[in-house]
Amino acid sequence: MLKKRKEQKKRKTDRLKMRRWILLYLWVLSLAAISYYGGAVSYGIFFGITLVPAVSLTYLAAVYFRLGVSQRIESRNMVCGQAMPYFFVLQNDGHFAFASISVRLFSSFSFVEKLPGDTAYELLPGERQTFETKLTCRYRGEYEVGVKEIIMTDFFRLFRIRYRLPSTIRALVLPKITRVTKLGSIEEFTALLSRESMRERTEPDVSVRDYIPGDALKQIHWKASAREQKLKVRSLTGEEKQGISILWDIERPGREMREYLPVENKILEIVLAIGFFLAENGIAFSGCCGQDALTEKHVESLRDFDGFYHMVSDVIFCREEKFSGLLSAVIKRGIILRSKVVFCVLRELNEEVLRFTEEFERAGILTVLYVVTDETAADTLWRGNERRRIITIPVEAGLEGRL
């Protein structure tokens, strides 16, 4: 869509330039005519062509100062994907008709119904064009929406000027909650969890793992530790690991909004979709993000989800926050040891992240990695196994059937 708009804009600019060249060519011919032939007709044509640019520019100046423009939105606080009532007015306060008034929208992150950005409007003296429509924001964040500028073109289609609205609308958009009917990743883990839980109840000394700082001393398996010459602990996950954790990446790699905003929006959409599914089904979970200033929210049921939603909505992405730093923090503080399943939502999968998830595996934790990317991830998908699932989700893709 964006590429199509750029092509249309280029074609209009090319036509504008072509008309100017034609006007210049006619002016040169008229100049040659008065030089070689003279006469009233030649001079009349010459002065007529010469006056055309001056008349066009005078007309555009009059339109610029006599065009009335206003816009408003019902509330600048919006939710991604939900339509909000939007009002826009064009008014001719002059004494002659305005031939070609085009509207340019902030179209990258928002969409206005029934107000196409490539339509030219004509306004008679005193005429008022009112649009009562709806505006929808595509991504979570704070950015300008609605009409960006007005494009004014003269009668002869020779010149064009832009009138940027002095007061644009800046919307504060909250992430949306996408309801999914199932989490396929959890369903695939169900048989494995049941099998491990049965084994741990009947043979508690068989399943052991490496010691992780924060483990209780009573869990240490001394015979296995002596045999392997390093501390080993019992993996009594059936009794001590009942919860689920959701960890997500809040690193902002670039500076351009069109690059980072869609990815950040999809990350938060996935986090909220997983959280809402768990809360709706009465499954307790904890959500964590950040690195040095670690933020954690525990949810027991649907009544606690509102607080989790506000936590996710208030998250600030920044360049210094590394997802590997979050993984390191939750391991050092022992937060992750309370969980049996960990969902990780991130924008890029690297070796450092994979090393941390291997520590989760040694601790008896099942891991699901959701990687938000439009790139082919065939080189990393093979790193998944029975205890670690890797799922790629395109930035603009729907979530139903993918989680």
Protein backbone atom coordinates (compact mmCIF):
# COMPACT_ATOMS: atom_id res chain seq x y z
CA MET A 1 0.00 0.00 0.00
CA LEU A 2 2.78 2.43 0.92
CA LYS A 3 4.62 1.60 -2.30
CA LYS A 4 1.46 2.27 -4.31
CA ARG A 5 1.03 5.70 -2.69
CA LYS A 6 4.63 6.60 -3.49
CA GLU A 7 4.11 5.63 -7.12
CA GLN A 8 0.94 7.75 -7.34
CA LYS A 9 2.74 10.69 -5.79
CA LYS A 10 5.61 10.33 -8.27
CA ARG A 11 3.20 10.24 -11.24
CA LYS A 12 1.48 13.44 -10.06
CA THR A 13 4.83 15.18 -9.66
CA ASP A 14 5.92 14.06 -13.12
CA ARG A 15 2.70 15.43 -14.67
CA LEU A 16 3.25 18.72 -12.84
CA LYS A 17 6.77 19.01 -14.24
CA MET A 18 5.57 18.12 -17.74
CA ARG A 19 3.01 20.97 -17.70
CA ARG A 20 5.71 23.41 -16.63
CA TRP A 21 7.94 22.33 -19.46
CA ILE A 22 5.07 22.72 -21.92
CA LEU A 23 4.38 26.23 -20.56
CA LEU A 24 8.06 27.12 -20.90
CA TYR A 25 8.11 25.76 -24.45
CA LEU A 26 5.06 27.86 -25.41
CA TRP A 27 6.61 30.94 -23.80
CA VAL A 28 9.80 30.48 -25.86
CA LEU A 29 7.71 30.09 -29.04
CA SER A 30 5.72 33.24 -28.24
CA LEU A 31 8.97 35.11 -27.58
CA ALA A 32 10.30 33.97 -30.94
CA ALA A 33 7.02 35.03 -32.59
CA ILE A 34 7.25 38.63 -31.33
CA SER A 35 10.94 38.74 -32.24
CA TYR A 36 10.41 37.67 -35.87
CA TYR A 37 6.84 38.73 -36.62
CA GLY A 38 5.67 41.23 -34.02
CA GLY A 39 2.08 42.34 -34.07
CA ALA A 40 -0.68 42.62 -31.47
CA VAL A 41 -1.57 38.93 -31.58
CA SER A 42 2.02 37.80 -30.91
CA TYR A 43 2.39 40.25 -28.03
CA GLY A 44 -0.99 39.24 -26.63
CA ILE A 45 -0.05 35.55 -26.62
CA PHE A 46 3.36 36.35 -25.07
CA PHE A 47 1.94 38.45 -22.23
CA GLY A 48 -0.88 35.93 -21.67
CA ILE A 49 1.55 33.02 -21.25
CA THR A 50 3.85 35.16 -19.09
CA LEU A 51 0.99 36.05 -16.74
CA VAL A 52 -0.14 32.43 -16.23
CA PRO A 53 2.46 31.59 -13.50
CA ALA A 54 1.81 34.89 -11.72
CA VAL A 55 -1.96 34.29 -11.73
CA SER A 56 -1.49 30.71 -10.49
CA LEU A 57 0.74 31.76 -7.60
CA THR A 58 -1.62 34.60 -6.64
CA TYR A 59 -4.51 32.15 -6.61
CA LEU A 60 -2.58 29.71 -4.38
CA ALA A 61 -1.75 32.52 -1.95
CA ALA A 62 -5.44 33.40 -1.70
CA VAL A 63 -6.39 29.77 -1.09
CA TYR A 64 -3.67 29.41 1.54
CA PHE A 65 -5.01 32.30 3.62
CA ARG A 66 -8.74 31.70 3.08
CA LEU A 67 -9.02 27.95 3.56
CA GLY A 68 -10.46 26.87 6.90
CA VAL A 69 -9.27 23.54 8.30
CA SER A 70 -10.08 21.84 11.61
CA GLN A 71 -9.99 18.31 13.01
CA ARG A 72 -10.65 16.63 16.33
CA ILE A 73 -10.93 13.17 17.81
CA GLU A 74 -13.25 12.04 20.57
CA SER A 75 -10.33 11.02 22.78
CA ARG A 76 -6.58 10.88 22.25
CA ASN A 77 -6.47 7.80 24.51
CA MET A 78 -7.10 4.90 22.16
CA VAL A 79 -6.72 1.13 21.94
CA CYS A 80 -4.88 -0.42 19.03
CA GLY A 81 -7.32 -1.73 16.41
CA GLN A 82 -10.42 -0.04 17.87
CA ALA A 83 -12.14 2.71 15.84
CA MET A 84 -12.55 6.15 17.44
CA PRO A 85 -14.99 8.87 16.22
CA TYR A 86 -13.08 11.46 14.18
CA PHE A 87 -14.23 14.81 12.76
CA PHE A 88 -12.58 16.80 9.97
CA VAL A 89 -13.73 20.04 8.29
CA LEU A 90 -12.66 21.85 5.10
CA GLN A 91 -14.20 25.30 4.53
CA ASN A 92 -13.87 27.90 1.77
CA ASP A 93 -13.86 31.35 3.42
CA GLY A 94 -12.96 33.10 0.15
CA HIS A 95 -15.01 34.73 -2.63
CA PHE A 96 -14.09 32.36 -5.45
CA ALA A 97 -14.00 28.60 -5.94
CA PHE A 98 -11.08 26.46 -4.78
CA ALA A 99 -10.27 24.02 -7.56
CA SER A 100 -8.12 21.26 -6.09
CA ILE A 101 -7.70 20.64 -2.36
CA SER A 102 -6.10 17.31 -1.40
CA VAL A 103 -5.70 15.84 2.05
CA ARG A 104 -2.50 14.12 3.18
CA LEU A 105 -2.90 11.72 6.13
CA PHE A 106 -0.57 10.25 8.71
CA SER A 107 -1.14 6.93 7.00
CA SER A 108 1.79 4.87 8.30
CA PHE A 109 0.34 4.03 11.71
CA SER A 110 -3.35 4.95 11.46
CA PHE A 111 -6.31 4.69 9.09
CA VAL A 112 -9.23 7.08 8.57
CA GLU A 113 -12.42 5.59 7.13
CA LYS A 114 -14.10 7.35 4.16
CA LEU A 115 -11.28 9.90 3.88
CA PRO A 116 -8.88 8.74 1.17
CA GLY A 117 -5.61 10.62 0.98
CA ASP A 118 -5.50 10.74 -2.83
CA THR A 119 -8.86 12.50 -3.47
CA ALA A 120 -9.01 16.13 -4.64
CA TYR A 121 -11.93 18.26 -3.36
CA GLU A 122 -13.51 21.35 -4.94
CA LEU A 123 -15.07 24.01 -2.72
CA LEU A 124 -17.40 26.79 -3.85
CA PRO A 125 -17.35 30.16 -2.02
CA GLY A 126 -18.66 29.64 1.52
CA GLU A 127 -18.94 25.86 1.07
CA ARG A 128 -18.10 23.60 4.00
CA GLN A 129 -17.04 19.97 3.66
CA THR A 130 -17.56 18.02 6.90
CA PHE A 131 -16.37 14.46 7.49
CA GLU A 132 -17.75 12.52 10.46
CA THR A 133 -15.92 9.22 10.31
CA LYS A 134 -13.73 6.92 12.39
CA LEU A 135 -10.02 6.66 12.93
CA THR A 136 -8.21 3.42 13.77
CA CYS A 137 -4.63 3.10 15.01
CA ARG A 138 -2.58 0.10 13.93
CA TYR A 139 0.15 0.04 16.58
CA ARG A 140 0.65 0.68 20.26
CA GLY A 141 2.58 3.84 21.05
CA GLU A 142 2.34 7.63 20.96
CA TYR A 143 2.29 9.23 17.53
CA GLU A 144 0.48 11.72 15.29
CA VAL A 145 -2.74 10.64 13.55
CA GLY A 146 -5.38 12.10 11.27
CA VAL A 147 -4.67 14.80 8.68
CA LYS A 148 -1.03 15.76 8.32
CA GLU A 149 -1.21 18.49 5.67
CA ILE A 150 -3.31 20.02 2.91
CA ILE A 151 -2.07 20.04 -0.70
CA MET A 152 -3.29 23.00 -2.80
CA THR A 153 -2.99 22.96 -6.59
CA ASP A 154 -3.77 25.88 -8.95
CA PHE A 155 -6.31 25.83 -11.80
CA PHE A 156 -3.67 25.19 -14.45
CA ARG A 157 -2.07 22.32 -12.47
CA LEU A 158 1.33 24.02 -12.62
CA PHE A 159 2.18 24.61 -8.97
CA ARG A 160 1.46 22.93 -5.67
CA ILE A 161 1.92 24.15 -2.12
CA ARG A 162 1.63 22.32 1.19
CA TYR A 163 -0.17 23.61 4.23
CA ARG A 164 0.86 21.68 7.32
CA LEU A 165 -1.71 21.82 10.08
CA PRO A 166 -0.32 23.84 12.99
CA SER A 167 -1.94 21.58 15.59
CA THR A 168 -1.97 17.89 14.74
CA ILE A 169 -3.54 15.17 16.88
CA ARG A 170 -1.13 13.08 18.93
CA ALA A 171 -2.76 9.82 20.03
CA LEU A 172 -1.75 7.69 22.98
CA VAL A 173 -2.49 4.15 21.82
CA LEU A 174 -2.71 1.20 24.23
CA PRO A 175 -2.04 -2.38 23.09
CA LYS A 176 -5.00 -4.56 22.16
CA ILE A 177 -5.97 -7.86 23.73
CA THR A 178 -6.24 -10.64 21.17
CA ARG A 179 -8.31 -13.58 22.36
CA VAL A 180 -7.05 -16.97 21.19
CA THR A 181 -8.98 -20.20 21.63
CA LYS A 182 -5.97 -22.35 22.44
CA LEU A 183 -2.21 -22.38 23.01
CA GLY A 184 -0.83 -25.16 20.84
CA SER A 185 2.55 -24.99 22.56
CA ILE A 186 1.03 -25.89 25.96
CA GLU A 187 -1.02 -28.71 24.46
CA GLU A 188 2.15 -30.25 23.04
CA PHE A 189 3.78 -30.06 26.47
CA THR A 190 0.84 -31.70 28.29
CA ALA A 191 1.90 -35.30 27.64
CA LEU A 192 5.50 -34.54 28.58
CA LEU A 193 4.46 -32.83 31.84
CA SER A 194 2.21 -35.73 32.81
CA ARG A 195 4.94 -38.26 32.10
CA GLU A 196 7.55 -36.36 34.14
CA SER A 197 5.14 -35.72 37.00
CA MET A 198 4.34 -39.45 37.27
CA ARG A 199 8.01 -40.37 37.25
CA GLU A 200 8.87 -37.80 39.93
CA ARG A 201 6.13 -39.00 42.25
CA THR A 202 7.23 -42.61 41.99
CA GLU A 203 10.99 -42.18 41.65
CA PRO A 204 11.95 -38.88 43.23
CA ASP A 205 15.68 -39.70 43.25
CA VAL A 206 15.95 -40.63 39.59
CA SER A 207 15.44 -37.24 37.95
CA VAL A 208 18.18 -34.78 38.92
CA ARG A 209 19.62 -31.61 37.45
CA ASP A 210 22.50 -29.21 37.99
CA TYR A 211 22.37 -26.94 41.05
CA ILE A 212 21.29 -23.35 40.31
CA PRO A 213 21.88 -20.54 42.85
CA GLY A 214 18.65 -20.12 44.78
CA ASP A 215 17.80 -23.82 45.02
CA ALA A 216 16.87 -25.00 48.51
CA LEU A 217 19.56 -27.08 50.27
CA LYS A 218 17.01 -29.77 51.08
CA GLN A 219 16.69 -30.46 47.34
CA ILE A 220 20.37 -31.39 46.94
CA HIS A 221 20.85 -35.01 45.88
CA TRP A 222 24.05 -35.86 47.81
CA LYS A 223 24.67 -39.27 46.23
CA ALA A 224 24.40 -37.89 42.71
CA SER A 225 26.55 -34.89 43.70
CA ALA A 226 29.29 -37.17 45.07
CA ARG A 227 29.11 -39.37 41.98
CA GLU A 228 29.43 -36.50 39.48
CA GLN A 229 31.64 -34.26 41.65
CA LYS A 230 29.27 -31.31 41.39
CA LEU A 231 26.09 -30.25 43.13
CA LYS A 232 22.94 -31.91 41.80
CA VAL A 233 19.36 -31.34 42.95
CA ARG A 234 16.16 -33.39 42.69
CA SER A 235 13.77 -32.23 39.96
CA LEU A 236 10.60 -32.43 42.02
CA THR A 237 8.79 -30.24 39.51
CA GLY A 238 5.44 -31.84 40.19
CA GLU A 239 5.49 -30.36 43.70
CA GLU A 240 7.63 -27.24 43.45
CA LYS A 241 7.08 -25.90 39.94
CA GLN A 242 3.46 -25.30 39.25
CA GLY A 243 3.56 -21.82 37.68
CA ILE A 244 4.12 -20.25 34.28
CA SER A 245 6.31 -17.26 33.47
CA ILE A 246 6.08 -14.83 30.55
CA LEU A 247 9.25 -12.93 29.70
CA TRP A 248 9.43 -10.38 26.91
CA ASP A 249 12.01 -8.28 25.13
CA ILE A 250 11.88 -4.47 25.54
CA GLU A 251 15.00 -3.59 23.57
CA ARG A 252 14.57 -0.88 20.91
CA PRO A 253 17.22 -1.47 18.25
CA GLY A 254 16.55 1.46 15.89
CA ARG A 255 15.54 5.12 15.94
CA GLU A 256 12.92 5.19 13.16
CA MET A 257 9.34 4.65 14.36
CA ARG A 258 8.36 2.79 11.19
CA GLU A 259 11.05 0.19 12.03
CA TYR A 260 10.52 -0.45 15.73
CA LEU A 261 6.86 0.40 16.37
CA PRO A 262 5.26 -2.58 14.51
CA VAL A 263 7.64 -5.06 16.20
CA GLU A 264 7.04 -3.63 19.68
CA ASN A 265 3.29 -3.73 19.09
CA LYS A 266 3.39 -7.40 18.05
CA ILE A 267 5.53 -8.37 21.07
CA LEU A 268 3.03 -6.82 23.49
CA GLU A 269 0.09 -8.29 21.57
CA ILE A 270 1.56 -11.78 21.98
CA VAL A 271 2.27 -11.21 25.68
CA LEU A 272 -1.30 -10.05 26.33
CA ALA A 273 -2.82 -12.86 24.24
CA ILE A 274 -0.93 -15.49 26.24
CA GLY A 275 -1.70 -13.76 29.55
CA PHE A 276 -5.40 -13.39 28.82
CA PHE A 277 -5.70 -17.03 27.73
CA LEU A 278 -4.05 -18.22 30.96
CA ALA A 279 -6.06 -15.88 33.20
CA GLU A 280 -9.32 -16.76 31.50
CA ASN A 281 -8.65 -20.44 32.14
CA GLY A 282 -7.68 -19.87 35.77
CA ILE A 283 -3.97 -20.64 35.26
CA ALA A 284 -1.64 -18.57 37.44
CA PHE A 285 1.37 -16.93 35.82
CA SER A 286 3.97 -14.23 36.34
CA GLY A 287 5.06 -11.61 33.80
CA CYS A 288 8.57 -10.14 33.82
CA CYS A 289 10.40 -7.57 31.73
CA GLY A 290 13.31 -5.20 32.11
CA GLN A 291 16.90 -5.80 33.11
CA ASP A 292 18.31 -3.70 35.94
CA ALA A 293 14.88 -2.35 36.93
CA LEU A 294 13.15 -5.71 36.76
CA THR A 295 9.35 -5.44 36.68
CA GLU A 296 7.25 -8.44 37.75
CA LYS A 297 3.50 -8.97 38.03
CA HIS A 298 1.80 -12.11 39.33
CA VAL A 299 -1.67 -13.04 38.05
CA GLU A 300 -3.83 -15.66 39.75
CA SER A 301 -7.03 -15.29 37.73
CA LEU A 302 -8.94 -13.01 35.39
CA ARG A 303 -9.62 -10.49 38.15
CA ASP A 304 -5.86 -9.79 38.36
CA PHE A 305 -5.45 -9.35 34.62
CA ASP A 306 -6.31 -5.64 34.61
CA GLY A 307 -3.19 -4.87 36.64
CA PHE A 308 -1.10 -6.98 34.30
CA TYR A 309 -2.55 -5.14 31.29
CA HIS A 310 -1.60 -1.77 32.77
CA MET A 311 1.90 -3.04 33.50
CA VAL A 312 2.33 -4.17 29.89
CA SER A 313 0.85 -0.92 28.55
CA ASP A 314 3.26 1.21 30.58
CA VAL A 315 6.37 -0.65 29.41
CA ILE A 316 9.01 1.64 27.93
CA PHE A 317 11.26 0.16 25.24
CA CYS A 318 14.84 1.41 25.16
CA ARG A 319 18.15 0.56 23.49
CA GLU A 320 19.93 -0.43 26.71
CA GLU A 321 17.53 -3.21 27.66
CA LYS A 322 18.86 -6.58 26.45
CA PHE A 323 16.72 -9.71 26.60
CA SER A 324 19.73 -11.76 27.65
CA GLY A 325 20.06 -9.36 30.61
CA LEU A 326 16.49 -10.17 31.65
CA LEU A 327 17.18 -13.92 31.45
CA SER A 328 20.30 -13.50 33.57
CA ALA A 329 18.37 -11.44 36.14
CA VAL A 330 15.51 -13.93 36.58
CA ILE A 331 18.00 -16.79 37.00
CA LYS A 332 20.13 -14.95 39.58
CA ARG A 333 17.11 -13.89 41.61
CA GLY A 334 15.60 -17.37 41.52
CA ILE A 335 12.37 -16.09 39.92
CA ILE A 336 12.47 -18.59 37.11
CA LEU A 337 12.79 -21.58 39.46
CA ARG A 338 9.14 -21.25 40.43
CA SER A 339 8.00 -22.02 36.89
CA LYS A 340 7.46 -25.20 34.99
CA VAL A 341 6.84 -23.46 31.63
CA VAL A 342 8.41 -20.21 30.42
CA PHE A 343 7.15 -18.20 27.47
CA CYS A 344 9.74 -15.86 25.92
CA VAL A 345 8.65 -13.22 23.41
CA LEU A 346 11.53 -11.52 21.62
CA ARG A 347 12.50 -9.89 18.34
CA GLU A 348 15.75 -11.73 17.71
CA LEU A 349 17.09 -15.17 18.64
CA ASN A 350 20.85 -15.32 19.24
CA GLU A 351 23.36 -17.71 20.77
CA GLU A 352 23.35 -15.95 24.13
CA VAL A 353 19.59 -16.38 24.50
CA LEU A 354 19.86 -20.05 23.49
CA ARG A 355 22.54 -20.64 26.15
CA PHE A 356 20.23 -19.27 28.84
CA THR A 357 17.36 -21.47 27.66
CA GLU A 358 19.69 -24.46 27.93
CA GLU A 359 20.03 -23.59 31.62
CA PHE A 360 16.24 -23.64 31.83
CA GLU A 361 16.25 -27.12 30.34
CA ARG A 362 18.79 -28.35 32.88
CA ALA A 363 16.51 -26.97 35.59
CA GLY A 364 13.61 -29.03 34.22
CA ILE A 365 11.82 -26.01 32.71
CA LEU A 366 9.93 -26.18 29.43
CA THR A 367 10.52 -23.16 27.17
CA VAL A 368 8.58 -21.61 24.29
CA LEU A 369 10.39 -18.93 22.26
CA TYR A 370 8.20 -16.65 20.15
CA VAL A 371 10.41 -14.73 17.72
CA VAL A 372 8.73 -11.72 16.09
CA THR A 373 10.32 -11.40 12.65
CA ASP A 374 9.49 -11.34 8.95
CA GLU A 375 12.77 -13.04 8.11
CA THR A 376 13.12 -16.74 7.44
CA ALA A 377 14.37 -18.41 10.63
CA ALA A 378 15.11 -21.88 9.24
CA ASP A 379 18.65 -21.65 10.59
CA THR A 380 17.36 -21.38 14.19
CA LEU A 381 14.19 -23.48 14.13
CA TRP A 382 16.23 -26.68 14.16
CA ARG A 383 17.55 -25.65 17.60
CA GLY A 384 14.18 -26.52 19.09
CA ASN A 385 13.58 -29.86 20.79
CA GLU A 386 11.08 -31.66 23.00
CA ARG A 387 11.62 -29.20 25.86
CA ARG A 388 12.26 -26.03 23.86
CA ARG A 389 9.90 -24.86 21.11
CA ILE A 390 10.87 -22.07 18.72
CA ILE A 391 8.02 -20.33 16.88
CA THR A 392 8.43 -17.41 14.44
CA ILE A 393 5.56 -14.94 14.05
CA PRO A 394 5.53 -12.33 11.24
CA VAL A 395 5.00 -8.75 12.35
CA GLU A 396 1.64 -8.30 10.62
CA ALA A 397 0.34 -11.86 11.08
CA GLY A 398 -2.70 -12.87 13.13
CA LEU A 399 -2.17 -14.88 16.31
CA GLU A 400 -4.96 -17.45 16.12
CA GLY A 401 -3.47 -20.86 15.38
CA ARG A 402 0.12 -19.59 15.71
CA LEU A 403 0.59 -19.60 19.48
